[in-house]
Structure formats: C-alpha cells, structure tokens
C-alpha cells in the first residue's frame, strides 16, 4: 500500500528542498534580529547573565556530586558474605531469632524483634550513619538508596512500641512474624542474610 495518492507517481524533491531552505533562511533571519536587538543591552548584563548561568551549573554539579557521594557510600556496603565463618554465625543468630518468633511466649517474640533491630542498627552504624538507635539512622537514609526503607521503618515502629510500652505491649504471633519479615527483607537487601 502506497502512502502517495494513486495519481501521484513521483515526489518533487526540489520543492521539498526549497521549502526546507526557506524555513532555514527564516530561522537565521530571526536569530539575526534577536542578536541585533540584544546589542542595545549593555555589555555588563551579558556577563551578569553568564555568571548566573555559570553559578547555577556549578550548583547543580555540586548537588550531583553530593548525591553521587551518598550513593557510593550506600553502594559500598559491608560485604557480609566475604567471610564464611561470620556468615555461618549470622545464620545461626538469625535462626535463633526466628525460633523466638515462633515461641508462644510474647516476651520471646519481643526479644526477637529487638535482636533483629539491633542487627540493623549495627549495620547502619558500620555504614557510617549517625544517631542514637535505628530510628535516627534510617531518617538519614534516602528511599532511593534503600528500597526496603519503608518496611524497616514500619518494623522499627513496632520495636519502638515494645520499648515504650514494655510488658503492657502484647504482640501477637502474626504481628511479630510480619515485623520480623520486614526486618528480614531489609537484611537481605543489605546482603546480611
């Protein structure tokens, strides 16, 4: 099927070239008029505008470098799987936490959540985040740097309730398992597990 109508058997390239030439000519005339109209403006204004543009570019570059530095910091996470001995001890510790979550005793479940929280707190400390406790450290993490941030934040809220309410806080086994799953997702992203 042809794009051209049936009666048209050829394409006039000369006409198309002429139209393109006319458009380019009008464009250059427009640029020339703009340039001539700007000659009435004092020369200092050009330097002022150029300085503003230069400062804006420098600001954007510094902002990008700061974000890049932060990304490098996050991406240079501690490689937890390098040392097999430590990896095995982490696995044993995590299994102990999972066993406590499965306990019928609410205090064991609370202890398991506190233990998982302390593991993440230690990891973020090693990564260089400052603050007292995990809550303050994850406030300094950008969501684009840590995909599981919201999960860890939700789990931290449960841990904060445990610390605040103590023995009065009764955590169900389902809620404890959900909280531990959120911590586990964060630990897997950080390559701890």
N, C-alpha and C. Protein backbone atom coordinates (compact mmCIF):
# COMPACT_ATOMS: atom_id res chain seq x y z
N UNK A 1 0.84 -1.18 0.00
CA UNK A 1 0.00 0.00 0.00
C UNK A 1 0.88 1.23 0.00
N UNK A 2 0.63 2.14 -0.89
CA UNK A 2 1.44 3.33 -1.05
C UNK A 2 0.89 4.48 -0.22
N UNK A 3 1.79 5.29 0.30
CA UNK A 3 1.39 6.46 1.06
C UNK A 3 0.91 7.56 0.13
N UNK A 4 1.50 7.63 -1.05
CA UNK A 4 1.13 8.66 -2.02
C UNK A 4 -0.22 8.34 -2.66
N UNK A 5 -0.99 9.36 -3.03
CA UNK A 5 -2.25 9.11 -3.74
C UNK A 5 -1.97 8.40 -5.07
N UNK A 6 -3.00 7.74 -5.61
CA UNK A 6 -2.84 6.95 -6.83
C UNK A 6 -2.36 7.77 -8.01
N UNK A 7 -2.84 9.01 -8.15
CA UNK A 7 -2.47 9.79 -9.32
C UNK A 7 -1.04 10.34 -9.24
N UNK A 8 -0.45 10.45 -8.02
CA UNK A 8 0.91 10.96 -7.87
C UNK A 8 1.88 9.80 -8.05
N UNK A 9 2.72 9.88 -9.03
CA UNK A 9 3.67 8.83 -9.31
C UNK A 9 5.10 9.21 -8.97
N UNK A 10 5.34 10.45 -8.56
CA UNK A 10 6.69 10.89 -8.26
C UNK A 10 6.65 11.89 -7.11
N UNK A 11 7.78 12.12 -6.51
CA UNK A 11 7.92 13.03 -5.38
C UNK A 11 8.82 14.18 -5.82
N UNK A 12 8.38 15.40 -5.62
CA UNK A 12 9.14 16.56 -6.05
C UNK A 12 10.15 16.93 -4.97
N UNK A 13 11.36 16.42 -5.08
CA UNK A 13 12.42 16.69 -4.10
C UNK A 13 12.88 18.14 -4.16
N UNK A 14 12.84 18.72 -5.33
CA UNK A 14 13.25 20.12 -5.47
C UNK A 14 12.34 21.03 -4.66
N UNK A 15 11.03 20.76 -4.69
CA UNK A 15 10.08 21.55 -3.93
C UNK A 15 10.35 21.40 -2.43
N UNK A 16 10.56 20.16 -1.95
CA UNK A 16 10.83 19.93 -0.53
C UNK A 16 12.11 20.61 -0.09
N UNK A 17 13.15 20.52 -0.91
CA UNK A 17 14.41 21.17 -0.60
C UNK A 17 14.23 22.68 -0.53
N UNK A 18 13.45 23.23 -1.45
CA UNK A 18 13.19 24.67 -1.48
C UNK A 18 12.45 25.10 -0.21
N UNK A 19 11.44 24.32 0.24
CA UNK A 19 10.71 24.67 1.46
C UNK A 19 11.63 24.61 2.67
N UNK A 20 12.48 23.60 2.74
CA UNK A 20 13.43 23.48 3.84
C UNK A 20 14.39 24.67 3.84
N UNK A 21 14.86 25.04 2.67
CA UNK A 21 15.76 26.18 2.54
C UNK A 21 15.10 27.47 3.01
N UNK A 22 13.82 27.68 2.66
CA UNK A 22 13.07 28.88 3.08
C UNK A 22 12.93 28.89 4.60
N UNK A 23 12.61 27.76 5.18
CA UNK A 23 12.46 27.69 6.65
C UNK A 23 13.78 27.99 7.35
N UNK A 24 14.86 27.42 6.87
CA UNK A 24 16.17 27.69 7.47
C UNK A 24 16.54 29.17 7.33
N UNK A 25 16.24 29.75 6.17
CA UNK A 25 16.53 31.17 5.94
C UNK A 25 15.76 32.04 6.92
N UNK A 26 14.46 31.72 7.12
CA UNK A 26 13.65 32.49 8.08
C UNK A 26 14.17 32.31 9.51
N UNK A 27 14.62 31.12 9.84
CA UNK A 27 15.17 30.86 11.17
C UNK A 27 16.42 31.70 11.41
N UNK A 28 17.33 31.74 10.44
CA UNK A 28 18.54 32.54 10.59
C UNK A 28 18.24 34.03 10.62
N UNK A 29 17.23 34.47 9.87
CA UNK A 29 16.82 35.88 9.93
C UNK A 29 16.30 36.22 11.33
N UNK A 30 15.52 35.31 11.92
CA UNK A 30 15.01 35.50 13.28
C UNK A 30 16.16 35.59 14.28
N UNK A 31 17.13 34.71 14.17
CA UNK A 31 18.28 34.75 15.07
C UNK A 31 19.06 36.05 14.89
N UNK A 32 19.21 36.49 13.66
CA UNK A 32 19.93 37.74 13.39
C UNK A 32 19.20 38.92 14.02
N UNK A 33 17.86 38.95 13.91
CA UNK A 33 17.08 40.04 14.51
C UNK A 33 17.21 40.02 16.02
N UNK A 34 17.17 38.83 16.61
CA UNK A 34 17.33 38.74 18.06
C UNK A 34 18.70 39.22 18.50
N UNK A 35 19.71 38.84 17.77
CA UNK A 35 21.07 39.26 18.09
C UNK A 35 21.21 40.77 17.99
N UNK A 36 20.66 41.35 16.94
CA UNK A 36 20.75 42.80 16.77
C UNK A 36 19.95 43.54 17.85
N UNK A 37 18.83 42.98 18.26
CA UNK A 37 18.05 43.65 19.30
C UNK A 37 18.76 43.57 20.65
N UNK A 38 19.60 42.53 20.83
CA UNK A 38 20.33 42.42 22.09
C UNK A 38 21.56 43.31 22.15
N UNK A 39 21.96 43.86 21.03
CA UNK A 39 23.14 44.74 21.04
C UNK A 39 22.87 46.05 21.77
N UNK A 40 21.60 46.38 21.93
CA UNK A 40 21.26 47.59 22.66
C UNK A 40 21.44 47.42 24.17
N UNK A 41 21.52 46.19 24.61
CA UNK A 41 21.68 45.90 26.04
C UNK A 41 23.15 46.10 26.41
N UNK A 42 23.41 46.73 27.57
CA UNK A 42 24.81 46.93 27.98
C UNK A 42 25.57 45.61 28.12
N UNK A 43 26.85 45.68 27.87
CA UNK A 43 27.70 44.51 27.85
C UNK A 43 27.80 43.84 29.23
N UNK A 44 27.69 44.63 30.30
CA UNK A 44 27.78 44.09 31.66
C UNK A 44 26.64 43.12 31.96
N UNK A 45 25.51 43.35 31.36
CA UNK A 45 24.37 42.46 31.61
C UNK A 45 24.66 41.07 31.06
N UNK A 46 25.36 40.99 29.92
CA UNK A 46 25.72 39.69 29.37
C UNK A 46 26.60 38.92 30.34
N UNK A 47 27.57 39.60 30.92
CA UNK A 47 28.45 38.95 31.87
C UNK A 47 27.69 38.54 33.14
N UNK A 48 26.75 39.39 33.56
CA UNK A 48 25.95 39.07 34.73
C UNK A 48 25.11 37.81 34.48
N UNK A 49 24.46 37.74 33.33
CA UNK A 49 23.65 36.57 32.97
C UNK A 49 24.54 35.33 32.85
N UNK A 50 25.70 35.49 32.22
CA UNK A 50 26.62 34.37 32.08
C UNK A 50 27.10 33.89 33.45
N UNK A 51 27.34 34.82 34.36
CA UNK A 51 27.77 34.45 35.71
C UNK A 51 26.67 33.69 36.44
N UNK A 52 25.43 34.15 36.29
CA UNK A 52 24.31 33.44 36.93
C UNK A 52 24.18 32.02 36.38
N UNK A 53 24.28 31.88 35.07
CA UNK A 53 24.19 30.55 34.47
C UNK A 53 25.34 29.68 34.96
N UNK A 54 26.55 30.26 35.01
CA UNK A 54 27.73 29.52 35.48
C UNK A 54 27.54 29.06 36.92
N UNK A 55 27.04 29.95 37.79
CA UNK A 55 26.80 29.59 39.19
C UNK A 55 25.73 28.51 39.31
N UNK A 56 24.71 28.60 38.48
CA UNK A 56 23.67 27.58 38.51
C UNK A 56 24.24 26.22 38.10
N UNK A 57 25.07 26.22 37.08
CA UNK A 57 25.70 24.96 36.63
C UNK A 57 26.59 24.40 37.72
N UNK A 58 27.38 25.26 38.35
CA UNK A 58 28.26 24.82 39.45
C UNK A 58 27.42 24.24 40.60
N UNK A 59 26.31 24.91 40.93
CA UNK A 59 25.44 24.41 41.99
C UNK A 59 24.87 23.03 41.66
N UNK A 60 24.43 22.85 40.43
CA UNK A 60 23.89 21.55 40.02
C UNK A 60 24.97 20.48 40.08
N UNK A 61 26.18 20.84 39.65
CA UNK A 61 27.28 19.87 39.68
C UNK A 61 27.60 19.47 41.12
N UNK A 62 27.66 20.43 42.05
CA UNK A 62 27.92 20.09 43.45
C UNK A 62 26.80 19.23 44.02
N UNK A 63 25.56 19.55 43.67
CA UNK A 63 24.43 18.75 44.14
C UNK A 63 24.55 17.31 43.63
N UNK A 64 24.87 17.15 42.35
CA UNK A 64 25.01 15.81 41.77
C UNK A 64 26.16 15.05 42.43
N UNK A 65 27.28 15.75 42.69
CA UNK A 65 28.40 15.10 43.36
C UNK A 65 28.03 14.66 44.78
N UNK A 66 27.26 15.49 45.48
CA UNK A 66 26.84 15.11 46.83
C UNK A 66 25.95 13.87 46.79
N UNK A 67 25.04 13.83 45.83
CA UNK A 67 24.19 12.65 45.69
C UNK A 67 25.01 11.43 45.28
N UNK A 68 25.98 11.64 44.40
CA UNK A 68 26.84 10.54 43.97
C UNK A 68 27.66 10.01 45.14
N UNK A 69 28.18 10.92 45.96
CA UNK A 69 28.95 10.51 47.13
C UNK A 69 28.09 9.68 48.07
N UNK A 70 26.85 10.10 48.24
CA UNK A 70 25.93 9.35 49.10
C UNK A 70 25.64 7.97 48.50
N UNK A 71 25.44 7.92 47.18
CA UNK A 71 25.18 6.64 46.52
C UNK A 71 26.38 5.71 46.65
N UNK A 72 27.58 6.27 46.51
CA UNK A 72 28.78 5.45 46.64
C UNK A 72 28.89 4.92 48.07
N UNK A 73 28.55 5.77 49.02
CA UNK A 73 28.59 5.35 50.42
C UNK A 73 27.62 4.19 50.65
N UNK A 74 26.43 4.32 50.11
CA UNK A 74 25.43 3.26 50.28
C UNK A 74 25.85 2.00 49.52
N UNK A 75 26.36 2.19 48.30
CA UNK A 75 26.70 1.02 47.50
C UNK A 75 27.95 0.32 47.99
N UNK A 76 28.76 1.01 48.77
CA UNK A 76 29.95 0.37 49.31
C UNK A 76 29.61 -0.26 50.66
N UNK A 77 28.50 -0.95 50.68
CA UNK A 77 28.06 -1.63 51.89
C UNK A 77 29.08 -2.68 52.30
N UNK A 78 29.05 -3.00 53.53
CA UNK A 78 29.93 -4.04 54.02
C UNK A 78 29.53 -5.34 53.33
N UNK A 79 30.48 -5.99 52.74
CA UNK A 79 30.20 -7.25 52.05
C UNK A 79 30.19 -8.35 53.10
N UNK A 80 29.00 -8.67 53.57
CA UNK A 80 28.85 -9.58 54.68
C UNK A 80 29.17 -11.03 54.32
N UNK A 81 29.14 -11.36 53.06
CA UNK A 81 29.32 -12.76 52.69
C UNK A 81 30.77 -13.11 52.37
N UNK A 82 31.70 -12.20 52.62
CA UNK A 82 33.10 -12.48 52.33
C UNK A 82 33.68 -13.55 53.25
N UNK A 83 33.40 -13.41 54.50
CA UNK A 83 33.98 -14.33 55.46
C UNK A 83 32.95 -15.39 55.84
N UNK A 84 33.22 -16.62 55.45
CA UNK A 84 32.25 -17.70 55.63
C UNK A 84 31.97 -17.97 57.11
N UNK A 85 32.98 -17.83 57.96
CA UNK A 85 32.78 -18.09 59.38
C UNK A 85 31.76 -17.13 59.97
N UNK A 86 31.91 -15.85 59.63
CA UNK A 86 30.95 -14.87 60.11
C UNK A 86 29.57 -15.12 59.53
N UNK A 87 29.53 -15.53 58.28
CA UNK A 87 28.26 -15.81 57.64
C UNK A 87 27.52 -16.93 58.37
N UNK A 88 28.25 -17.95 58.77
CA UNK A 88 27.64 -19.07 59.49
C UNK A 88 27.12 -18.61 60.85
N UNK A 89 27.87 -17.77 61.55
CA UNK A 89 27.41 -17.29 62.85
C UNK A 89 26.18 -16.39 62.69
N UNK A 90 26.14 -15.62 61.59
CA UNK A 90 24.95 -14.80 61.33
C UNK A 90 23.74 -15.68 61.08
N UNK A 91 23.95 -16.74 60.33
CA UNK A 91 22.84 -17.66 60.04
C UNK A 91 22.31 -18.28 61.33
N UNK A 92 23.21 -18.69 62.21
CA UNK A 92 22.79 -19.28 63.49
C UNK A 92 22.03 -18.26 64.32
N UNK A 93 22.53 -17.03 64.35
CA UNK A 93 21.86 -15.97 65.11
C UNK A 93 20.46 -15.70 64.55
N UNK A 94 20.36 -15.67 63.22
CA UNK A 94 19.06 -15.40 62.61
C UNK A 94 18.08 -16.55 62.88
N UNK A 95 18.56 -17.78 62.86
CA UNK A 95 17.70 -18.93 63.18
C UNK A 95 17.22 -18.85 64.63
N UNK A 96 18.08 -18.39 65.52
CA UNK A 96 17.69 -18.21 66.92
C UNK A 96 16.56 -17.17 67.02
N UNK A 97 16.70 -16.10 66.26
CA UNK A 97 15.66 -15.06 66.26
C UNK A 97 14.35 -15.63 65.72
N UNK A 98 14.42 -16.41 64.64
CA UNK A 98 13.21 -17.00 64.07
C UNK A 98 12.54 -17.97 65.04
N UNK A 99 13.35 -18.72 65.78
CA UNK A 99 12.79 -19.64 66.78
C UNK A 99 12.08 -18.88 67.89
N UNK A 100 12.62 -17.73 68.27
CA UNK A 100 11.97 -16.93 69.32
C UNK A 100 10.64 -16.36 68.82
N UNK A 101 10.58 -16.03 67.54
CA UNK A 101 9.33 -15.51 66.98
C UNK A 101 8.23 -16.57 67.03
N UNK A 102 8.62 -17.83 66.81
CA UNK A 102 7.65 -18.92 66.81
C UNK A 102 7.20 -19.32 68.22
N UNK A 103 7.82 -18.73 69.23
CA UNK A 103 7.51 -19.07 70.62
C UNK A 103 6.09 -18.63 70.98
N UNK A 104 5.51 -19.33 71.93
CA UNK A 104 4.19 -18.94 72.44
C UNK A 104 4.30 -17.81 73.47
N UNK A 105 5.50 -17.56 73.94
CA UNK A 105 5.74 -16.53 74.94
C UNK A 105 5.91 -15.18 74.24
N UNK A 106 5.10 -14.20 74.62
CA UNK A 106 5.16 -12.87 73.99
C UNK A 106 6.49 -12.19 74.26
N UNK A 107 7.10 -12.46 75.41
CA UNK A 107 8.38 -11.84 75.74
C UNK A 107 9.49 -12.32 74.79
N UNK A 108 9.43 -13.60 74.39
CA UNK A 108 10.41 -14.12 73.43
C UNK A 108 10.24 -13.43 72.08
N UNK A 109 8.99 -13.23 71.68
CA UNK A 109 8.74 -12.55 70.40
C UNK A 109 9.26 -11.12 70.43
N UNK A 110 9.04 -10.44 71.54
CA UNK A 110 9.55 -9.08 71.69
C UNK A 110 11.08 -9.07 71.63
N UNK A 111 11.70 -10.02 72.31
CA UNK A 111 13.16 -10.10 72.32
C UNK A 111 13.70 -10.35 70.90
N UNK A 112 13.00 -11.18 70.13
CA UNK A 112 13.43 -11.46 68.76
C UNK A 112 13.39 -10.19 67.91
N UNK A 113 12.35 -9.39 68.07
CA UNK A 113 12.24 -8.14 67.31
C UNK A 113 13.34 -7.17 67.72
N UNK A 114 13.62 -7.10 69.01
CA UNK A 114 14.69 -6.21 69.49
C UNK A 114 16.04 -6.68 68.95
N UNK A 115 16.26 -7.99 68.89
CA UNK A 115 17.52 -8.53 68.35
C UNK A 115 17.67 -8.19 66.86
N UNK A 116 16.58 -8.35 66.10
CA UNK A 116 16.64 -8.02 64.67
C UNK A 116 16.92 -6.53 64.48
N UNK A 117 16.30 -5.72 65.32
CA UNK A 117 16.52 -4.27 65.27
C UNK A 117 17.98 -3.94 65.56
N UNK A 118 18.56 -4.61 66.53
CA UNK A 118 19.96 -4.32 66.89
C UNK A 118 20.91 -4.73 65.77
N UNK A 119 20.58 -5.79 65.03
CA UNK A 119 21.42 -6.19 63.90
C UNK A 119 21.43 -5.08 62.85
N UNK A 120 20.24 -4.58 62.49
CA UNK A 120 20.17 -3.50 61.50
C UNK A 120 20.84 -2.23 62.02
N UNK A 121 20.66 -1.95 63.30
CA UNK A 121 21.29 -0.77 63.90
C UNK A 121 22.81 -0.86 63.76
N UNK A 122 23.36 -2.02 64.02
CA UNK A 122 24.81 -2.22 63.91
C UNK A 122 25.28 -2.06 62.45
N UNK A 123 24.50 -2.59 61.51
CA UNK A 123 24.86 -2.47 60.09
C UNK A 123 24.89 -1.00 59.67
N UNK A 124 23.86 -0.26 60.05
CA UNK A 124 23.82 1.16 59.67
C UNK A 124 24.93 1.95 60.36
N UNK A 125 25.32 1.54 61.56
CA UNK A 125 26.45 2.19 62.23
C UNK A 125 27.73 1.94 61.45
N UNK A 126 27.93 0.70 60.99
CA UNK A 126 29.13 0.37 60.20
C UNK A 126 29.15 1.14 58.89
N UNK A 127 27.98 1.42 58.35
CA UNK A 127 27.90 2.16 57.09
C UNK A 127 28.16 3.65 57.30
N UNK A 128 28.22 4.09 58.55
CA UNK A 128 28.57 5.48 58.82
C UNK A 128 27.39 6.38 59.15
N UNK A 129 26.21 5.83 59.33
CA UNK A 129 25.07 6.66 59.69
C UNK A 129 25.13 6.97 61.18
N UNK A 130 24.87 8.21 61.52
CA UNK A 130 24.95 8.67 62.91
C UNK A 130 23.55 8.74 63.51
N UNK A 131 23.51 8.59 64.83
CA UNK A 131 22.26 8.72 65.54
C UNK A 131 22.17 7.71 66.67
N UNK A 132 21.25 7.99 67.59
CA UNK A 132 21.00 7.06 68.69
C UNK A 132 19.90 6.11 68.28
N UNK A 133 20.24 4.89 68.03
CA UNK A 133 19.27 3.89 67.66
C UNK A 133 18.97 3.89 66.17
N UNK A 134 18.29 2.84 65.76
CA UNK A 134 18.00 2.65 64.34
C UNK A 134 17.08 3.74 63.79
N UNK A 135 16.14 4.20 64.59
CA UNK A 135 15.19 5.20 64.13
C UNK A 135 15.86 6.45 63.59
N UNK A 136 16.82 6.98 64.34
CA UNK A 136 17.51 8.19 63.90
C UNK A 136 18.40 7.92 62.68
N UNK A 137 18.95 6.73 62.61
CA UNK A 137 19.83 6.41 61.48
C UNK A 137 19.05 6.27 60.18
N UNK A 138 17.88 5.64 60.25
CA UNK A 138 17.14 5.45 59.00
C UNK A 138 16.45 6.73 58.54
N UNK A 139 16.38 7.72 59.42
CA UNK A 139 15.87 9.02 58.98
C UNK A 139 16.83 9.67 57.99
N UNK A 140 18.10 9.30 58.06
CA UNK A 140 19.12 9.88 57.18
C UNK A 140 19.29 9.11 55.88
N UNK A 141 18.55 8.04 55.71
CA UNK A 141 18.66 7.22 54.50
C UNK A 141 17.63 7.70 53.49
N UNK A 142 18.06 7.86 52.26
CA UNK A 142 17.12 8.24 51.20
C UNK A 142 16.41 7.00 50.68
N UNK A 143 15.12 7.11 50.37
CA UNK A 143 14.38 5.96 49.86
C UNK A 143 14.98 5.37 48.58
N UNK A 144 15.61 6.20 47.77
CA UNK A 144 16.20 5.68 46.54
C UNK A 144 17.45 4.85 46.82
N UNK A 145 18.05 5.02 48.00
CA UNK A 145 19.25 4.28 48.35
C UNK A 145 18.93 2.93 48.99
N UNK A 146 17.76 2.81 49.56
CA UNK A 146 17.40 1.60 50.32
C UNK A 146 15.94 1.29 50.05
N UNK A 147 15.70 0.33 49.18
CA UNK A 147 14.33 0.03 48.75
C UNK A 147 13.45 -0.46 49.89
N UNK A 148 14.03 -1.11 50.87
CA UNK A 148 13.26 -1.66 51.98
C UNK A 148 13.09 -0.66 53.12
N UNK A 149 13.33 0.59 52.86
CA UNK A 149 13.28 1.60 53.92
C UNK A 149 11.92 1.65 54.61
N UNK A 150 10.84 1.63 53.84
CA UNK A 150 9.51 1.71 54.44
C UNK A 150 9.22 0.48 55.30
N UNK A 151 9.64 -0.69 54.82
CA UNK A 151 9.44 -1.91 55.61
C UNK A 151 10.20 -1.83 56.93
N UNK A 152 11.45 -1.41 56.86
CA UNK A 152 12.26 -1.31 58.08
C UNK A 152 11.67 -0.25 59.01
N UNK A 153 11.19 0.83 58.44
CA UNK A 153 10.59 1.89 59.26
C UNK A 153 9.34 1.36 59.98
N UNK A 154 8.51 0.61 59.26
CA UNK A 154 7.31 0.03 59.89
C UNK A 154 7.69 -0.94 61.00
N UNK A 155 8.71 -1.76 60.75
CA UNK A 155 9.17 -2.71 61.77
C UNK A 155 9.75 -1.96 62.97
N UNK A 156 10.45 -0.88 62.69
CA UNK A 156 11.02 -0.09 63.79
C UNK A 156 9.92 0.50 64.68
N UNK A 157 8.81 0.87 64.09
CA UNK A 157 7.70 1.42 64.88
C UNK A 157 7.20 0.40 65.89
N UNK A 158 7.14 -0.87 65.48
CA UNK A 158 6.72 -1.93 66.40
C UNK A 158 7.76 -2.07 67.51
N UNK A 159 9.03 -2.03 67.13
CA UNK A 159 10.11 -2.14 68.13
C UNK A 159 10.05 -0.97 69.11
N UNK A 160 9.72 0.22 68.61
CA UNK A 160 9.61 1.40 69.47
C UNK A 160 8.45 1.23 70.46
N UNK A 161 7.37 0.62 70.00
CA UNK A 161 6.25 0.35 70.92
C UNK A 161 6.66 -0.63 72.00
N UNK A 162 7.46 -1.61 71.64
CA UNK A 162 7.95 -2.58 72.63
C UNK A 162 8.78 -1.85 73.68
N UNK A 163 9.64 -0.95 73.23
CA UNK A 163 10.49 -0.21 74.17
C UNK A 163 9.67 0.75 75.03
N UNK A 164 8.67 1.37 74.43
CA UNK A 164 7.86 2.36 75.13
C UNK A 164 6.89 1.72 76.11
N UNK A 165 6.19 0.69 75.67
CA UNK A 165 5.12 0.11 76.50
C UNK A 165 5.60 -1.06 77.35
N UNK A 166 6.72 -1.68 76.98
CA UNK A 166 7.30 -2.75 77.79
C UNK A 166 6.36 -3.94 77.93
N UNK A 167 6.12 -4.33 79.17
CA UNK A 167 5.32 -5.53 79.46
C UNK A 167 3.85 -5.34 79.11
N UNK A 168 3.40 -4.10 79.04
CA UNK A 168 1.99 -3.85 78.70
C UNK A 168 1.69 -4.15 77.24
N UNK A 169 2.71 -4.12 76.39
CA UNK A 169 2.52 -4.35 74.96
C UNK A 169 2.47 -5.85 74.70
N UNK A 170 1.33 -6.31 74.23
CA UNK A 170 1.17 -7.74 73.92
C UNK A 170 1.17 -7.89 72.40
N UNK A 171 2.19 -8.50 71.89
CA UNK A 171 2.32 -8.65 70.45
C UNK A 171 1.88 -10.05 70.04
N UNK A 172 1.00 -10.09 69.05
CA UNK A 172 0.53 -11.40 68.58
C UNK A 172 1.62 -12.07 67.76
N UNK A 173 1.48 -13.36 67.59
CA UNK A 173 2.49 -14.10 66.83
C UNK A 173 2.48 -13.65 65.36
N UNK A 174 1.30 -13.35 64.81
CA UNK A 174 1.21 -12.90 63.42
C UNK A 174 1.90 -11.55 63.24
N UNK A 175 1.62 -10.62 64.16
CA UNK A 175 2.25 -9.30 64.08
C UNK A 175 3.77 -9.40 64.23
N UNK A 176 4.20 -10.28 65.12
CA UNK A 176 5.64 -10.47 65.32
C UNK A 176 6.29 -11.05 64.06
N UNK A 177 5.64 -12.01 63.43
CA UNK A 177 6.18 -12.61 62.21
C UNK A 177 6.22 -11.59 61.07
N UNK A 178 5.17 -10.78 60.97
CA UNK A 178 5.15 -9.73 59.93
C UNK A 178 6.28 -8.73 60.15
N UNK A 179 6.48 -8.36 61.40
CA UNK A 179 7.55 -7.41 61.73
C UNK A 179 8.91 -8.00 61.41
N UNK A 180 9.11 -9.26 61.79
CA UNK A 180 10.39 -9.90 61.50
C UNK A 180 10.62 -10.05 59.99
N UNK A 181 9.55 -10.30 59.24
CA UNK A 181 9.68 -10.42 57.78
C UNK A 181 10.13 -9.09 57.18
N UNK A 182 9.68 -7.98 57.75
CA UNK A 182 10.10 -6.66 57.26
C UNK A 182 11.58 -6.43 57.55
N UNK A 183 12.00 -6.80 58.76
CA UNK A 183 13.43 -6.70 59.07
C UNK A 183 14.24 -7.61 58.14
N UNK A 184 13.73 -8.80 57.90
CA UNK A 184 14.45 -9.77 57.06
C UNK A 184 14.62 -9.24 55.64
N UNK A 185 13.59 -8.58 55.13
CA UNK A 185 13.69 -8.00 53.79
C UNK A 185 14.81 -6.97 53.72
N UNK A 186 14.91 -6.13 54.74
CA UNK A 186 15.98 -5.15 54.79
C UNK A 186 17.35 -5.79 54.92
N UNK A 187 17.45 -6.83 55.73
CA UNK A 187 18.73 -7.52 55.90
C UNK A 187 19.16 -8.23 54.63
N UNK A 188 18.19 -8.76 53.89
CA UNK A 188 18.54 -9.39 52.62
C UNK A 188 19.02 -8.37 51.60
N UNK A 189 18.38 -7.21 51.59
CA UNK A 189 18.82 -6.17 50.67
C UNK A 189 20.24 -5.71 51.00
N UNK A 190 20.57 -5.68 52.28
CA UNK A 190 21.90 -5.28 52.71
C UNK A 190 22.90 -6.45 52.65
N UNK A 191 22.45 -7.59 52.16
CA UNK A 191 23.28 -8.78 51.96
C UNK A 191 23.81 -9.34 53.28
N UNK A 192 23.06 -9.12 54.36
CA UNK A 192 23.42 -9.72 55.63
C UNK A 192 23.00 -11.17 55.65
N UNK A 193 21.85 -11.43 55.07
CA UNK A 193 21.33 -12.81 55.01
C UNK A 193 21.49 -13.37 53.62
